[in-house]
């Protein structure tokens, strides 16, 4: 029960975090030189959204492994 609260807290903290700047230096320089601010923000948002999926996958795999170990521990006792 406590681990579920921890995952929920971490998830809420990730959602509440301020906007991250995820551009590499080359992408940022090329987009800023064009002067199109909307396009630069769209590329930045796309990079941040693409970063979310690996973290979700790692969290799901971690939860599955945790639940497998927990079930194994319950069966042995």
C-alpha atoms as a PDB file:
ATOM      1  CA  UNK A   1       0.000   0.000   0.000  1.00  0.00           C
ATOM      2  CA  UNK A   2       2.812   2.363   0.839  1.00  0.00           C
ATOM      3  CA  UNK A   3       4.611   1.722  -2.466  1.00  0.00           C
ATOM      4  CA  UNK A   4       1.419   2.629  -4.357  1.00  0.00           C
ATOM      5  CA  UNK A   5       1.342   5.977  -2.624  1.00  0.00           C
ATOM      6  CA  UNK A   6       4.983   6.515  -3.528  1.00  0.00           C
ATOM      7  CA  UNK A   7       4.306   5.807  -7.213  1.00  0.00           C
ATOM      8  CA  UNK A   8       1.298   8.125  -7.147  1.00  0.00           C
ATOM      9  CA  UNK A   9       3.345  10.871  -5.530  1.00  0.00           C
ATOM     10  CA  UNK A  10       6.145  10.506  -8.074  1.00  0.00           C
ATOM     11  CA  UNK A  11       3.648  10.558 -10.931  1.00  0.00           C
ATOM     12  CA  UNK A  12       1.999  13.720  -9.618  1.00  0.00           C
ATOM     13  CA  UNK A  13       5.373  15.388  -9.139  1.00  0.00           C
ATOM     14  CA  UNK A  14       6.272  14.620 -12.748  1.00  0.00           C
ATOM     15  CA  UNK A  15       3.017  16.157 -13.938  1.00  0.00           C
ATOM     16  CA  UNK A  16       3.418  19.238 -11.762  1.00  0.00           C
ATOM     17  CA  UNK A  17       7.020  19.926 -12.713  1.00  0.00           C
ATOM     18  CA  UNK A  18       7.722  23.129 -14.599  1.00  0.00           C
ATOM     19  CA  UNK A  19       8.193  22.927 -18.322  1.00  0.00           C
ATOM     20  CA  UNK A  20      11.531  21.380 -19.117  1.00  0.00           C
ATOM     21  CA  UNK A  21      13.722  22.579 -21.939  1.00  0.00           C
ATOM     22  CA  UNK A  22      14.581  19.402 -23.795  1.00  0.00           C
ATOM     23  CA  UNK A  23      16.284  20.712 -26.909  1.00  0.00           C
ATOM     24  CA  UNK A  24      19.832  19.911 -27.798  1.00  0.00           C
ATOM     25  CA  UNK A  25      22.144  22.829 -28.511  1.00  0.00           C
ATOM     26  CA  UNK A  26      22.093  22.361 -32.291  1.00  0.00           C
ATOM     27  CA  UNK A  27      18.299  22.168 -32.510  1.00  0.00           C
ATOM     28  CA  UNK A  28      17.938  25.203 -30.303  1.00  0.00           C
ATOM     29  CA  UNK A  29      20.421  27.265 -32.322  1.00  0.00           C
ATOM     30  CA  UNK A  30      18.814  26.416 -35.657  1.00  0.00           C
ATOM     31  CA  UNK A  31      15.298  27.131 -34.414  1.00  0.00           C
ATOM     32  CA  UNK A  32      16.212  30.378 -32.670  1.00  0.00           C
ATOM     33  CA  UNK A  33      18.012  31.681 -35.739  1.00  0.00           C
ATOM     34  CA  UNK A  34      14.883  31.234 -37.864  1.00  0.00           C
ATOM     35  CA  UNK A  35      12.908  33.529 -35.544  1.00  0.00           C
ATOM     36  CA  UNK A  36       9.833  31.282 -35.483  1.00  0.00           C
ATOM     37  CA  UNK A  37       9.039  31.016 -31.774  1.00  0.00           C
ATOM     38  CA  UNK A  38       5.943  28.831 -32.231  1.00  0.00           C
ATOM     39  CA  UNK A  39       7.921  26.253 -34.193  1.00  0.00           C
ATOM     40  CA  UNK A  40      10.663  26.222 -31.555  1.00  0.00           C
ATOM     41  CA  UNK A  41       8.121  25.645 -28.782  1.00  0.00           C
ATOM     42  CA  UNK A  42       6.482  22.841 -30.778  1.00  0.00           C
ATOM     43  CA  UNK A  43       9.817  21.064 -31.250  1.00  0.00           C
ATOM     44  CA  UNK A  44      10.587  21.474 -27.557  1.00  0.00           C
ATOM     45  CA  UNK A  45       7.207  20.041 -26.556  1.00  0.00           C
ATOM     46  CA  UNK A  46       7.688  17.112 -28.918  1.00  0.00           C
ATOM     47  CA  UNK A  47      11.047  16.268 -27.385  1.00  0.00           C
ATOM     48  CA  UNK A  48       9.615  16.383 -23.875  1.00  0.00           C
ATOM     49  CA  UNK A  49       6.668  14.162 -24.852  1.00  0.00           C
ATOM     50  CA  UNK A  50       9.025  11.654 -26.442  1.00  0.00           C
ATOM     51  CA  UNK A  51      11.034  11.553 -23.204  1.00  0.00           C
ATOM     52  CA  UNK A  52       7.965  10.523 -21.190  1.00  0.00           C
ATOM     53  CA  UNK A  53       7.426   7.120 -22.809  1.00  0.00           C
ATOM     54  CA  UNK A  54      10.737   5.512 -21.761  1.00  0.00           C
ATOM     55  CA  UNK A  55      10.092   6.584 -18.176  1.00  0.00           C
ATOM     56  CA  UNK A  56       6.609   5.064 -18.279  1.00  0.00           C
ATOM     57  CA  UNK A  57       8.008   1.810 -19.678  1.00  0.00           C
ATOM     58  CA  UNK A  58      10.680   1.635 -16.980  1.00  0.00           C
ATOM     59  CA  UNK A  59       8.058   2.267 -14.299  1.00  0.00           C
ATOM     60  CA  UNK A  60       5.800  -0.487 -15.661  1.00  0.00           C
ATOM     61  CA  UNK A  61       8.655  -2.987 -15.879  1.00  0.00           C
ATOM     62  CA  UNK A  62       9.777  -2.043 -12.374  1.00  0.00           C
ATOM     63  CA  UNK A  63       6.272  -2.554 -11.033  1.00  0.00           C
ATOM     64  CA  UNK A  64       5.949  -5.938 -12.739  1.00  0.00           C
ATOM     65  CA  UNK A  65       9.288  -7.098 -11.334  1.00  0.00           C
ATOM     66  CA  UNK A  66       8.336  -5.794  -7.886  1.00  0.00           C
ATOM     67  CA  UNK A  67       4.997  -7.609  -7.953  1.00  0.00           C
ATOM     68  CA  UNK A  68       6.684 -10.847  -9.107  1.00  0.00           C
ATOM     69  CA  UNK A  69       9.152 -10.703  -6.210  1.00  0.00           C
ATOM     70  CA  UNK A  70       6.361  -9.853  -3.821  1.00  0.00           C
ATOM     71  CA  UNK A  71       4.263 -12.835  -4.964  1.00  0.00           C
ATOM     72  CA  UNK A  72       7.296 -15.112  -4.696  1.00  0.00           C
ATOM     73  CA  UNK A  73       7.934 -13.894  -1.163  1.00  0.00           C
ATOM     74  CA  UNK A  74       4.289 -14.491  -0.163  1.00  0.00           C
ATOM     75  CA  UNK A  75       4.373 -18.047  -1.573  1.00  0.00           C
ATOM     76  CA  UNK A  76       7.518 -18.956   0.381  1.00  0.00           C
ATOM     77  CA  UNK A  77       6.124 -17.791   3.735  1.00  0.00           C
END
